[in-house]
PDB file of N, CA and C in Angstrom:
ATOM      1  N   GLY A   1      31.010 109.697 123.697  1.00  0.00           N
ATOM      2  CA  GLY A   1      31.726 110.575 122.814  1.00  0.00           C
ATOM      3  C   GLY A   1      30.861 110.799 121.521  1.00  0.00           C
ATOM      4  N   ILE A   2      31.476 111.472 120.582  1.00  0.00           N
ATOM      5  CA  ILE A   2      30.796 111.793 119.296  1.00  0.00           C
ATOM      6  C   ILE A   2      30.724 110.501 118.462  1.00  0.00           C
ATOM      7  N   ASN A   3      29.557 110.310 117.826  1.00  0.00           N
ATOM      8  CA  ASN A   3      29.325 109.149 116.977  1.00  0.00           C
ATOM      9  C   ASN A   3      28.704 109.526 115.723  1.00  0.00           C
ATOM     10  N   ALA A   4      29.174 108.914 114.623  1.00  0.00           N
ATOM     11  CA  ALA A   4      28.601 109.165 113.269  1.00  0.00           C
ATOM     12  C   ALA A   4      28.142 107.884 112.669  1.00  0.00           C
ATOM     13  N   GLU A   5      26.999 107.776 112.175  1.00  0.00           N
ATOM     14  CA  GLU A   5      26.447 106.615 111.519  1.00  0.00           C
ATOM     15  C   GLU A   5      25.951 107.108 110.160  1.00  0.00           C
ATOM     16  N   TYR A   6      26.434 106.476 109.081  1.00  0.00           N
ATOM     17  CA  TYR A   6      26.137 106.985 107.761  1.00  0.00           C
ATOM     18  C   TYR A   6      26.291 106.123 106.574  1.00  0.00           C
ATOM     19  N   MET A   7      25.933 106.589 105.440  1.00  0.00           N
ATOM     20  CA  MET A   7      26.191 105.941 104.187  1.00  0.00           C
ATOM     21  C   MET A   7      26.772 107.007 103.307  1.00  0.00           C
ATOM     22  N   GLY A   8      28.043 107.177 103.263  1.00  0.00           N
ATOM     23  CA  GLY A   8      28.741 108.165 102.494  1.00  0.00           C
ATOM     24  C   GLY A   8      30.117 108.486 103.061  1.00  0.00           C
ATOM     25  N   GLN A   9      30.507 109.748 103.031  1.00  0.00           N
ATOM     26  CA  GLN A   9      31.777 110.195 103.480  1.00  0.00           C
ATOM     27  C   GLN A   9      31.572 111.388 104.387  1.00  0.00           C
ATOM     28  N   ILE A  10      32.191 111.388 105.545  1.00  0.00           N
ATOM     29  CA  ILE A  10      32.056 112.486 106.483  1.00  0.00           C
ATOM     30  C   ILE A  10      33.448 112.853 107.052  1.00  0.00           C
ATOM     31  N   MET A  11      33.631 114.053 107.342  1.00  0.00           N
ATOM     32  CA  MET A  11      34.880 114.588 107.821  1.00  0.00           C
ATOM     33  C   MET A  11      34.707 115.480 109.001  1.00  0.00           C
ATOM     34  N   VAL A  12      35.570 115.204 109.998  1.00  0.00           N
ATOM     35  CA  VAL A  12      35.651 116.066 111.191  1.00  0.00           C
ATOM     36  C   VAL A  12      36.426 117.296 110.794  1.00  0.00           C
ATOM     37  N   THR A  13      36.022 118.465 111.238  1.00  0.00           N
ATOM     38  CA  THR A  13      36.876 119.662 111.013  1.00  0.00           C
ATOM     39  C   THR A  13      37.673 119.951 112.354  1.00  0.00           C
ATOM     40  N   ASN A  14      38.890 119.922 112.268  1.00  0.00           N
ATOM     41  CA  ASN A  14      39.700 120.114 113.446  1.00  0.00           C
ATOM     42  C   ASN A  14      40.072 121.577 113.761  1.00  0.00           C
ATOM     43  N   GLN A  15      39.487 122.506 112.910  1.00  0.00           N
ATOM     44  CA  GLN A  15      39.570 123.930 113.174  1.00  0.00           C
ATOM     45  C   GLN A  15      38.182 124.401 113.159  1.00  0.00           C
ATOM     46  N   ALA A  16      37.845 125.235 114.147  1.00  0.00           N
ATOM     47  CA  ALA A  16      36.494 125.735 114.259  1.00  0.00           C
ATOM     48  C   ALA A  16      36.189 126.784 113.175  1.00  0.00           C
ATOM     49  N   THR A  17      35.141 126.675 112.460  1.00  0.00           N
ATOM     50  CA  THR A  17      34.681 127.767 111.478  1.00  0.00           C
ATOM     51  C   THR A  17      34.300 128.906 112.235  1.00  0.00           C
ATOM     52  N   TYR A  18      33.587 128.746 113.377  1.00  0.00           N
ATOM     53  CA  TYR A  18      33.080 129.813 114.179  1.00  0.00           C
ATOM     54  C   TYR A  18      33.643 129.601 115.564  1.00  0.00           C
ATOM     55  N   PHE A  19      33.618 130.693 116.347  1.00  0.00           N
ATOM     56  CA  PHE A  19      34.076 130.542 117.751  1.00  0.00           C
ATOM     57  C   PHE A  19      33.004 129.734 118.479  1.00  0.00           C
ATOM     58  N   PRO A  20      33.463 128.771 119.335  1.00  0.00           N
ATOM     59  CA  PRO A  20      32.467 128.079 120.156  1.00  0.00           C
ATOM     60  C   PRO A  20      31.640 129.015 120.978  1.00  0.00           C
ATOM     61  N   PRO A  21      30.395 128.662 121.196  1.00  0.00           N
ATOM     62  CA  PRO A  21      29.601 129.518 121.994  1.00  0.00           C
ATOM     63  C   PRO A  21      30.174 129.614 123.427  1.00  0.00           C
ATOM     64  N   SER A  22      29.859 130.688 124.048  1.00  0.00           N
ATOM     65  CA  SER A  22      30.372 130.946 125.402  1.00  0.00           C
ATOM     66  C   SER A  22      29.990 129.778 126.347  1.00  0.00           C
ATOM     67  N   GLY A  23      30.983 129.331 127.089  1.00  0.00           N
ATOM     68  CA  GLY A  23      30.743 128.267 128.068  1.00  0.00           C
ATOM     69  C   GLY A  23      30.944 126.839 127.484  1.00  0.00           C
ATOM     70  N   TYR A  24      31.223 126.737 126.165  1.00  0.00           N
ATOM     71  CA  TYR A  24      31.396 125.428 125.533  1.00  0.00           C
ATOM     72  C   TYR A  24      32.804 125.124 125.322  1.00  0.00           C
ATOM     73  N   ILE A  25      33.241 123.853 125.379  1.00  0.00           N
ATOM     74  CA  ILE A  25      34.653 123.412 125.196  1.00  0.00           C
ATOM     75  C   ILE A  25      34.730 122.996 123.686  1.00  0.00           C
ATOM     76  N   TRP A  26      35.732 123.475 122.893  1.00  0.00           N
ATOM     77  CA  TRP A  26      36.049 123.063 121.568  1.00  0.00           C
ATOM     78  C   TRP A  26      36.639 121.705 121.519  1.00  0.00           C
ATOM     79  N   VAL A  27      36.189 120.800 120.772  1.00  0.00           N
ATOM     80  CA  VAL A  27      36.691 119.414 120.719  1.00  0.00           C
ATOM     81  C   VAL A  27      37.436 119.169 119.467  1.00  0.00           C
ATOM     82  N   PRO A  28      38.799 119.297 119.434  1.00  0.00           N
ATOM     83  CA  PRO A  28      39.547 118.927 118.298  1.00  0.00           C
ATOM     84  C   PRO A  28      39.815 117.360 118.420  1.00  0.00           C
ATOM     85  N   MET A  29      39.261 116.610 117.501  1.00  0.00           N
ATOM     86  CA  MET A  29      39.327 115.164 117.639  1.00  0.00           C
ATOM     87  C   MET A  29      39.494 114.438 116.297  1.00  0.00           C
ATOM     88  N   GLN A  30      39.712 113.171 116.319  1.00  0.00           N
ATOM     89  CA  GLN A  30      39.759 112.239 115.232  1.00  0.00           C
ATOM     90  C   GLN A  30      38.913 111.100 115.531  1.00  0.00           C
ATOM     91  N   TRP A  31      38.696 110.233 114.487  1.00  0.00           N
ATOM     92  CA  TRP A  31      37.860 109.036 114.627  1.00  0.00           C
ATOM     93  C   TRP A  31      38.716 107.954 115.268  1.00  0.00           C
ATOM     94  N   SER A  32      38.084 107.168 116.116  1.00  0.00           N
ATOM     95  CA  SER A  32      38.817 106.117 116.841  1.00  0.00           C
ATOM     96  C   SER A  32      38.954 104.848 115.995  1.00  0.00           C
ATOM     97  N   LYS A  33      40.113 104.352 115.844  1.00  0.00           N
ATOM     98  CA  LYS A  33      40.318 103.111 115.117  1.00  0.00           C
ATOM     99  C   LYS A  33      39.768 101.929 115.911  1.00  0.00           C
ATOM    100  N   THR A  34      39.756 102.029 117.187  1.00  0.00           N
ATOM    101  CA  THR A  34      39.243 100.985 118.098  1.00  0.00           C
ATOM    102  C   THR A  34      37.754 100.872 118.023  1.00  0.00           C
ATOM    103  N   TYR A  35      37.082 101.999 117.945  1.00  0.00           N
ATOM    104  CA  TYR A  35      35.581 102.098 118.009  1.00  0.00           C
ATOM    105  C   TYR A  35      35.029 102.519 116.606  1.00  0.00           C
ATOM    106  N   THR A  36      35.324 101.705 115.611  1.00  0.00           N
ATOM    107  CA  THR A  36      34.782 102.010 114.181  1.00  0.00           C
ATOM    108  C   THR A  36      34.357 100.689 113.600  1.00  0.00           C
ATOM    109  N   SER A  37      33.183 100.713 113.001  1.00  0.00           N
ATOM    110  CA  SER A  37      32.685  99.533 112.281  1.00  0.00           C
ATOM    111  C   SER A  37      33.686  99.016 111.267  1.00  0.00           C
ATOM    112  N   ASN A  38      33.643  97.698 111.021  1.00  0.00           N
ATOM    113  CA  ASN A  38      34.569  97.228 109.987  1.00  0.00           C
ATOM    114  C   ASN A  38      34.041  97.549 108.567  1.00  0.00           C
ATOM    115  N   LYS A  39      32.850  98.184 108.545  1.00  0.00           N
ATOM    116  CA  LYS A  39      32.313  98.683 107.234  1.00  0.00           C
ATOM    117  C   LYS A  39      32.739 100.099 106.859  1.00  0.00           C
ATOM    118  N   ILE A  40      33.600 100.626 107.778  1.00  0.00           N
ATOM    119  CA  ILE A  40      34.089 102.007 107.606  1.00  0.00           C
ATOM    120  C   ILE A  40      35.605 102.037 107.464  1.00  0.00           C
ATOM    121  N   GLU A  41      36.098 102.837 106.687  1.00  0.00           N
ATOM    122  CA  GLU A  41      37.499 103.097 106.523  1.00  0.00           C
ATOM    123  C   GLU A  41      37.913 104.512 107.050  1.00  0.00           C
ATOM    124  N   ILE A  42      38.805 104.582 107.928  1.00  0.00           N
ATOM    125  CA  ILE A  42      39.324 105.896 108.394  1.00  0.00           C
ATOM    126  C   ILE A  42      40.509 106.248 107.541  1.00  0.00           C
ATOM    127  N   GLU A  43      40.425 107.463 106.869  1.00  0.00           N
ATOM    128  CA  GLU A  43      41.502 107.806 106.030  1.00  0.00           C
ATOM    129  C   GLU A  43      42.770 108.148 106.773  1.00  0.00           C
ATOM    130  N   SER A  44      43.900 108.316 106.185  1.00  0.00           N
ATOM    131  CA  SER A  44      45.161 108.561 106.832  1.00  0.00           C
ATOM    132  C   SER A  44      45.230 109.895 107.619  1.00  0.00           C
ATOM    133  N   ASP A  45      44.357 110.812 107.304  1.00  0.00           N
ATOM    134  CA  ASP A  45      44.255 112.078 108.021  1.00  0.00           C
ATOM    135  C   ASP A  45      43.635 111.940 109.357  1.00  0.00           C
ATOM    136  N   GLY A  46      42.990 110.836 109.677  1.00  0.00           N
ATOM    137  CA  GLY A  46      42.287 110.560 110.921  1.00  0.00           C
ATOM    138  C   GLY A  46      41.006 111.256 111.117  1.00  0.00           C
ATOM    139  N   VAL A  47      40.629 112.189 110.223  1.00  0.00           N
ATOM    140  CA  VAL A  47      39.400 112.905 110.345  1.00  0.00           C
ATOM    141  C   VAL A  47      38.324 112.660 109.300  1.00  0.00           C
ATOM    142  N   THR A  48      38.696 111.901 108.285  1.00  0.00           N
ATOM    143  CA  THR A  48      37.764 111.527 107.199  1.00  0.00           C
ATOM    144  C   THR A  48      37.428 110.028 107.297  1.00  0.00           C
ATOM    145  N   ILE A  49      36.173 109.717 107.393  1.00  0.00           N
ATOM    146  CA  ILE A  49      35.728 108.337 107.277  1.00  0.00           C
ATOM    147  C   ILE A  49      34.927 108.088 106.064  1.00  0.00           C
ATOM    148  N   VAL A  50      35.042 106.909 105.436  1.00  0.00           N
ATOM    149  CA  VAL A  50      34.393 106.576 104.195  1.00  0.00           C
ATOM    150  C   VAL A  50      33.747 105.164 104.313  1.00  0.00           C
ATOM    151  N   SER A  51      32.572 105.100 103.878  1.00  0.00           N
ATOM    152  CA  SER A  51      31.821 103.760 103.951  1.00  0.00           C
ATOM    153  C   SER A  51      32.454 102.823 102.887  1.00  0.00           C
ATOM    154  N   LYS A  52      32.808 101.629 103.435  1.00  0.00           N
ATOM    155  CA  LYS A  52      33.263 100.587 102.505  1.00  0.00           C
ATOM    156  C   LYS A  52      32.105  99.692 102.058  1.00  0.00           C
ATOM    157  N   ASP A  53      31.025  99.743 102.714  1.00  0.00           N
ATOM    158  CA  ASP A  53      29.847  98.822 102.458  1.00  0.00           C
ATOM    159  C   ASP A  53      28.628  99.760 102.579  1.00  0.00           C
ATOM    160  N   GLY A  54      27.971  99.916 101.405  1.00  0.00           N
ATOM    161  CA  GLY A  54      26.804 100.836 101.343  1.00  0.00           C
ATOM    162  C   GLY A  54      25.537 100.370 102.060  1.00  0.00           C
ATOM    163  N   GLY A  55      25.503  99.061 102.408  1.00  0.00           N
ATOM    164  CA  GLY A  55      24.269  98.574 103.037  1.00  0.00           C
ATOM    165  C   GLY A  55      24.328  98.524 104.538  1.00  0.00           C
ATOM    166  N   GLY A  56      23.208  98.839 105.204  1.00  0.00           N
ATOM    167  CA  GLY A  56      23.114  98.649 106.634  1.00  0.00           C
ATOM    168  C   GLY A  56      23.757  99.694 107.502  1.00  0.00           C
ATOM    169  N   PHE A  57      23.633  99.568 108.770  1.00  0.00           N
ATOM    170  CA  PHE A  57      24.240 100.538 109.705  1.00  0.00           C
ATOM    171  C   PHE A  57      25.681 100.361 109.866  1.00  0.00           C
ATOM    172  N   LYS A  58      26.345 101.397 110.156  1.00  0.00           N
ATOM    173  CA  LYS A  58      27.792 101.425 110.474  1.00  0.00           C
ATOM    174  C   LYS A  58      28.058 102.635 111.343  1.00  0.00           C
ATOM    175  N   SER A  59      28.924 102.547 112.248  1.00  0.00           N
ATOM    176  CA  SER A  59      29.229 103.711 113.177  1.00  0.00           C
ATOM    177  C   SER A  59      30.689 103.856 113.434  1.00  0.00           C
ATOM    178  N   SER A  60      31.144 105.075 113.733  1.00  0.00           N
ATOM    179  CA  SER A  60      32.453 105.373 114.103  1.00  0.00           C
ATOM    180  C   SER A  60      32.414 106.351 115.248  1.00  0.00           C
ATOM    181  N   LEU A  61      33.109 106.019 116.355  1.00  0.00           N
ATOM    182  CA  LEU A  61      33.177 106.955 117.483  1.00  0.00           C
ATOM    183  C   LEU A  61      34.457 107.774 117.377  1.00  0.00           C
ATOM    184  N   ALA A  62      34.399 108.958 117.982  1.00  0.00           N
ATOM    185  CA  ALA A  62      35.476 109.841 118.086  1.00  0.00           C
ATOM    186  C   ALA A  62      36.479 109.306 119.113  1.00  0.00           C
ATOM    187  N   ASP A  63      37.693 109.816 119.065  1.00  0.00           N
ATOM    188  CA  ASP A  63      38.673 109.504 120.079  1.00  0.00           C
ATOM    189  C   ASP A  63      38.643 110.287 121.365  1.00  0.00           C
ATOM    190  N   PHE A  64      37.571 111.094 121.497  1.00  0.00           N
ATOM    191  CA  PHE A  64      37.478 112.031 122.630  1.00  0.00           C
ATOM    192  C   PHE A  64      36.160 111.681 123.361  1.00  0.00           C
ATOM    193  N   ALA A  65      36.396 111.486 124.736  1.00  0.00           N
ATOM    194  CA  ALA A  65      35.251 111.133 125.587  1.00  0.00           C
ATOM    195  C   ALA A  65      34.792 112.362 126.277  1.00  0.00           C
ATOM    196  N   PHE A  66      33.442 112.569 126.385  1.00  0.00           N
ATOM    197  CA  PHE A  66      32.897 113.704 127.081  1.00  0.00           C
ATOM    198  C   PHE A  66      32.858 113.407 128.577  1.00  0.00           C
ATOM    199  N   SER A  67      32.965 114.476 129.321  1.00  0.00           N
ATOM    200  CA  SER A  67      32.783 114.349 130.818  1.00  0.00           C
ATOM    201  C   SER A  67      31.466 114.918 131.179  1.00  0.00           C
ATOM    202  N   PRO A  68      30.772 114.277 132.169  1.00  0.00           N
ATOM    203  CA  PRO A  68      29.441 114.775 132.574  1.00  0.00           C
ATOM    204  C   PRO A  68      29.541 116.286 132.973  1.00  0.00           C
ATOM    205  N   VAL A  69      28.520 116.990 132.850  1.00  0.00           N
ATOM    206  CA  VAL A  69      28.320 118.385 133.308  1.00  0.00           C
ATOM    207  C   VAL A  69      28.983 119.394 132.291  1.00  0.00           C
ATOM    208  N   GLN A  70      29.903 118.996 131.520  1.00  0.00           N
ATOM    209  CA  GLN A  70      30.531 119.871 130.614  1.00  0.00           C
ATOM    210  C   GLN A  70      29.603 120.089 129.322  1.00  0.00           C
ATOM    211  N   LYS A  71      29.848 121.214 128.615  1.00  0.00           N
ATOM    212  CA  LYS A  71      29.180 121.464 127.345  1.00  0.00           C
ATOM    213  C   LYS A  71      30.274 121.486 126.231  1.00  0.00           C
ATOM    214  N   TYR A  72      30.053 120.776 125.185  1.00  0.00           N
ATOM    215  CA  TYR A  72      31.072 120.614 124.114  1.00  0.00           C
ATOM    216  C   TYR A  72      30.602 121.215 122.780  1.00  0.00           C
ATOM    217  N   TYR A  73      31.544 121.564 121.957  1.00  0.00           N
ATOM    218  CA  TYR A  73      31.244 122.124 120.651  1.00  0.00           C
ATOM    219  C   TYR A  73      32.153 121.378 119.668  1.00  0.00           C
ATOM    220  N   TYR A  74      31.612 120.901 118.558  1.00  0.00           N
ATOM    221  CA  TYR A  74      32.390 120.275 117.510  1.00  0.00           C
ATOM    222  C   TYR A  74      31.687 120.495 116.195  1.00  0.00           C
ATOM    223  N   GLU A  75      32.535 120.414 115.108  1.00  0.00           N
ATOM    224  CA  GLU A  75      32.006 120.559 113.769  1.00  0.00           C
ATOM    225  C   GLU A  75      32.325 119.373 112.932  1.00  0.00           C
ATOM    226  N   LEU A  76      31.319 118.972 112.094  1.00  0.00           N
ATOM    227  CA  LEU A  76      31.503 117.939 111.214  1.00  0.00           C
ATOM    228  C   LEU A  76      31.123 118.444 109.811  1.00  0.00           C
ATOM    229  N   ARG A  77      31.777 117.950 108.806  1.00  0.00           N
ATOM    230  CA  ARG A  77      31.366 118.338 107.353  1.00  0.00           C
ATOM    231  C   ARG A  77      31.068 117.136 106.611  1.00  0.00           C
ATOM    232  N   ILE A  78      29.779 117.033 106.101  1.00  0.00           N
ATOM    233  CA  ILE A  78      29.379 115.866 105.333  1.00  0.00           C
ATOM    234  C   ILE A  78      29.847 116.223 103.846  1.00  0.00           C
ATOM    235  N   VAL A  79      30.729 115.317 103.328  1.00  0.00           N
ATOM    236  CA  VAL A  79      31.293 115.487 102.032  1.00  0.00           C
ATOM    237  C   VAL A  79      30.396 114.888 100.996  1.00  0.00           C
ATOM    238  N   THR A  80      29.905 113.697 101.229  1.00  0.00           N
ATOM    239  CA  THR A  80      28.956 113.012 100.308  1.00  0.00           C
ATOM    240  C   THR A  80      28.072 112.106 101.148  1.00  0.00           C
ATOM    241  N   GLY A  81      27.003 111.695 100.632  1.00  0.00           N
ATOM    242  CA  GLY A  81      26.191 110.679 101.292  1.00  0.00           C
ATOM    243  C   GLY A  81      24.817 111.147 101.761  1.00  0.00           C
ATOM    244  N   SER A  82      24.095 110.201 102.300  1.00  0.00           N
ATOM    245  CA  SER A  82      22.768 110.463 102.744  1.00  0.00           C
ATOM    246  C   SER A  82      22.497 109.553 103.944  1.00  0.00           C
ATOM    247  N   LEU A  83      21.421 109.704 104.594  1.00  0.00           N
ATOM    248  CA  LEU A  83      20.979 108.895 105.720  1.00  0.00           C
ATOM    249  C   LEU A  83      22.056 108.990 106.834  1.00  0.00           C
ATOM    250  N   ILE A  84      22.505 110.136 107.162  1.00  0.00           N
ATOM    251  CA  ILE A  84      23.657 110.348 108.028  1.00  0.00           C
ATOM    252  C   ILE A  84      23.058 110.810 109.436  1.00  0.00           C
ATOM    253  N   LYS A  85      23.525 110.082 110.464  1.00  0.00           N
ATOM    254  CA  LYS A  85      23.205 110.501 111.822  1.00  0.00           C
ATOM    255  C   LYS A  85      24.478 110.986 112.539  1.00  0.00           C
ATOM    256  N   ILE A  86      24.342 112.099 113.232  1.00  0.00           N
ATOM    257  CA  ILE A  86      25.361 112.645 114.013  1.00  0.00           C
ATOM    258  C   ILE A  86      24.912 112.638 115.485  1.00  0.00           C
ATOM    259  N   GLY A  87      25.683 112.255 116.412  1.00  0.00           N
ATOM    260  CA  GLY A  87      25.218 112.212 117.801  1.00  0.00           C
ATOM    261  C   GLY A  87      26.208 111.849 118.786  1.00  0.00           C
ATOM    262  N   VAL A  88      25.774 111.446 119.902  1.00  0.00           N
ATOM    263  CA  VAL A  88      26.635 111.040 120.969  1.00  0.00           C
ATOM    264  C   VAL A  88      26.156 109.608 121.492  1.00  0.00           C
ATOM    265  N   SER A  89      27.129 108.887 122.035  1.00  0.00           N
ATOM    266  CA  SER A  89      26.811 107.601 122.465  1.00  0.00           C
ATOM    267  C   SER A  89      27.825 107.126 123.507  1.00  0.00           C
ATOM    268  N   ARG A  90      27.486 106.065 124.238  1.00  0.00           N
ATOM    269  CA  ARG A  90      28.453 105.450 125.091  1.00  0.00           C
ATOM    270  C   ARG A  90      29.314 104.441 124.175  1.00  0.00           C
ATOM    271  N   LYS A  91      30.497 104.149 124.564  1.00  0.00           N
ATOM    272  CA  LYS A  91      31.413 103.306 123.737  1.00  0.00           C
ATOM    273  C   LYS A  91      30.919 101.846 123.607  1.00  0.00           C
ATOM    274  N   GLU A  92      29.952 101.406 124.462  1.00  0.00           N
ATOM    275  CA  GLU A  92      29.514  99.974 124.303  1.00  0.00           C
ATOM    276  C   GLU A  92      28.511  99.791 123.272  1.00  0.00           C
ATOM    277  N   VAL A  93      28.118 100.801 122.435  1.00  0.00           N
ATOM    278  CA  VAL A  93      27.112 100.541 121.449  1.00  0.00           C
ATOM    279  C   VAL A  93      27.622  99.568 120.408  1.00  0.00           C
ATOM    280  N   ASP A  94      26.697  98.875 119.750  1.00  0.00           N
ATOM    281  CA  ASP A  94      27.087  97.931 118.635  1.00  0.00           C
ATOM    282  C   ASP A  94      27.402  98.768 117.356  1.00  0.00           C
ATOM    283  N   LEU A  95      28.589  98.766 116.889  1.00  0.00           N
ATOM    284  CA  LEU A  95      28.979  99.628 115.809  1.00  0.00           C
ATOM    285  C   LEU A  95      28.386  99.307 114.459  1.00  0.00           C
ATOM    286  N   ASN A  96      27.739  98.078 114.348  1.00  0.00           N
ATOM    287  CA  ASN A  96      27.072  97.716 113.147  1.00  0.00           C
ATOM    288  C   ASN A  96      25.556  97.703 113.272  1.00  0.00           C
ATOM    289  N   ASN A  97      25.034  98.408 114.184  1.00  0.00           N
ATOM    290  CA  ASN A  97      23.663  98.651 114.384  1.00  0.00           C
ATOM    291  C   ASN A  97      23.399 100.124 114.678  1.00  0.00           C
ATOM    292  N   ALA A  98      22.091 100.422 114.622  1.00  0.00           N
ATOM    293  CA  ALA A  98      21.740 101.828 114.954  1.00  0.00           C
ATOM    294  C   ALA A  98      21.969 102.279 116.356  1.00  0.00           C
ATOM    295  N   PHE A  99      23.014 103.078 116.611  1.00  0.00           N
ATOM    296  CA  PHE A  99      23.357 103.513 118.038  1.00  0.00           C
ATOM    297  C   PHE A  99      22.290 104.336 118.668  1.00  0.00           C
ATOM    298  N   SER A 100      21.543 105.035 117.848  1.00  0.00           N
ATOM    299  CA  SER A 100      20.700 106.103 118.380  1.00  0.00           C
ATOM    300  C   SER A 100      19.245 105.493 118.717  1.00  0.00           C
ATOM    301  N   VAL A 101      19.063 104.229 118.571  1.00  0.00           N
ATOM    302  CA  VAL A 101      17.729 103.669 118.934  1.00  0.00           C
ATOM    303  C   VAL A 101      17.859 102.934 120.252  1.00  0.00           C
ATOM    304  N   THR A 102      18.924 103.064 121.018  1.00  0.00           N
ATOM    305  CA  THR A 102      19.177 102.456 122.293  1.00  0.00           C
ATOM    306  C   THR A 102      19.257 103.606 123.329  1.00  0.00           C
ATOM    307  N   GLU A 103      19.269 103.122 124.558  1.00  0.00           N
ATOM    308  CA  GLU A 103      19.408 104.133 125.657  1.00  0.00           C
ATOM    309  C   GLU A 103      20.902 104.613 125.709  1.00  0.00           C
ATOM    310  N   SER A 104      21.764 103.982 124.944  1.00  0.00           N
ATOM    311  CA  SER A 104      23.225 104.376 124.953  1.00  0.00           C
ATOM    312  C   SER A 104      23.502 105.483 123.960  1.00  0.00           C
ATOM    313  N   GLY A 105      22.595 105.869 123.110  1.00  0.00           N
ATOM    314  CA  GLY A 105      22.904 106.828 122.126  1.00  0.00           C
ATOM    315  C   GLY A 105      21.734 107.838 121.744  1.00  0.00           C
ATOM    316  N   TRP A 106      22.110 108.927 121.204  1.00  0.00           N
ATOM    317  CA  TRP A 106      21.200 109.934 120.735  1.00  0.00           C
ATOM    318  C   TRP A 106      21.743 110.549 119.441  1.00  0.00           C
ATOM    319  N   ALA A 107      20.925 110.925 118.510  1.00  0.00           N
ATOM    320  CA  ALA A 107      21.426 111.501 117.259  1.00  0.00           C
ATOM    321  C   ALA A 107      20.365 112.332 116.534  1.00  0.00           C
ATOM    322  N   ILE A 108      20.858 113.118 115.605  1.00  0.00           N
ATOM    323  CA  ILE A 108      20.037 113.884 114.669  1.00  0.00           C
ATOM    324  C   ILE A 108      20.324 113.395 113.274  1.00  0.00           C
ATOM    325  N   TYR A 109      19.355 113.481 112.404  1.00  0.00           N
ATOM    326  CA  TYR A 109      19.537 112.996 110.999  1.00  0.00           C
ATOM    327  C   TYR A 109      19.595 114.176 110.039  1.00  0.00           C
ATOM    328  N   ASN A 110      20.338 113.975 108.924  1.00  0.00           N
ATOM    329  CA  ASN A 110      20.320 114.964 107.837  1.00  0.00           C
ATOM    330  C   ASN A 110      19.170 114.776 106.947  1.00  0.00           C
TER     331      ASN A 110
END
C-alpha cells in the first residue's frame, strides 16, 4: 500500500484535484492506525499525520492495499516538513526504519 516516511506534516487528499489518468483506479484512503510508527500521530480526520519525534525514520501506511496488475492514482499534500518520501511498500516493513531501502519498499523524495 501507500507509505509515507517524513519529518513534518503530510495530508492525504480524499478528493482528486484532477481526474485520474485513463486506466487508473482512484484511491480514497486514510492512514492506518495499525501500521503507523509510534513517532507519528494520526489526526482525528484520519488523513493528516504529524511527526511527534523529529529525529530518525518513521513511516505510516495507508489503510488501502493494492492488488497486483492494477494501476492506482492517489494524491498527497505536504503541509510542512522536509526529507519526505512517498512510496509503496509491503506491510511487513519496519515502521521506524527506512522502508524504501529494502526489497519491500520503493519511494521518491521531495
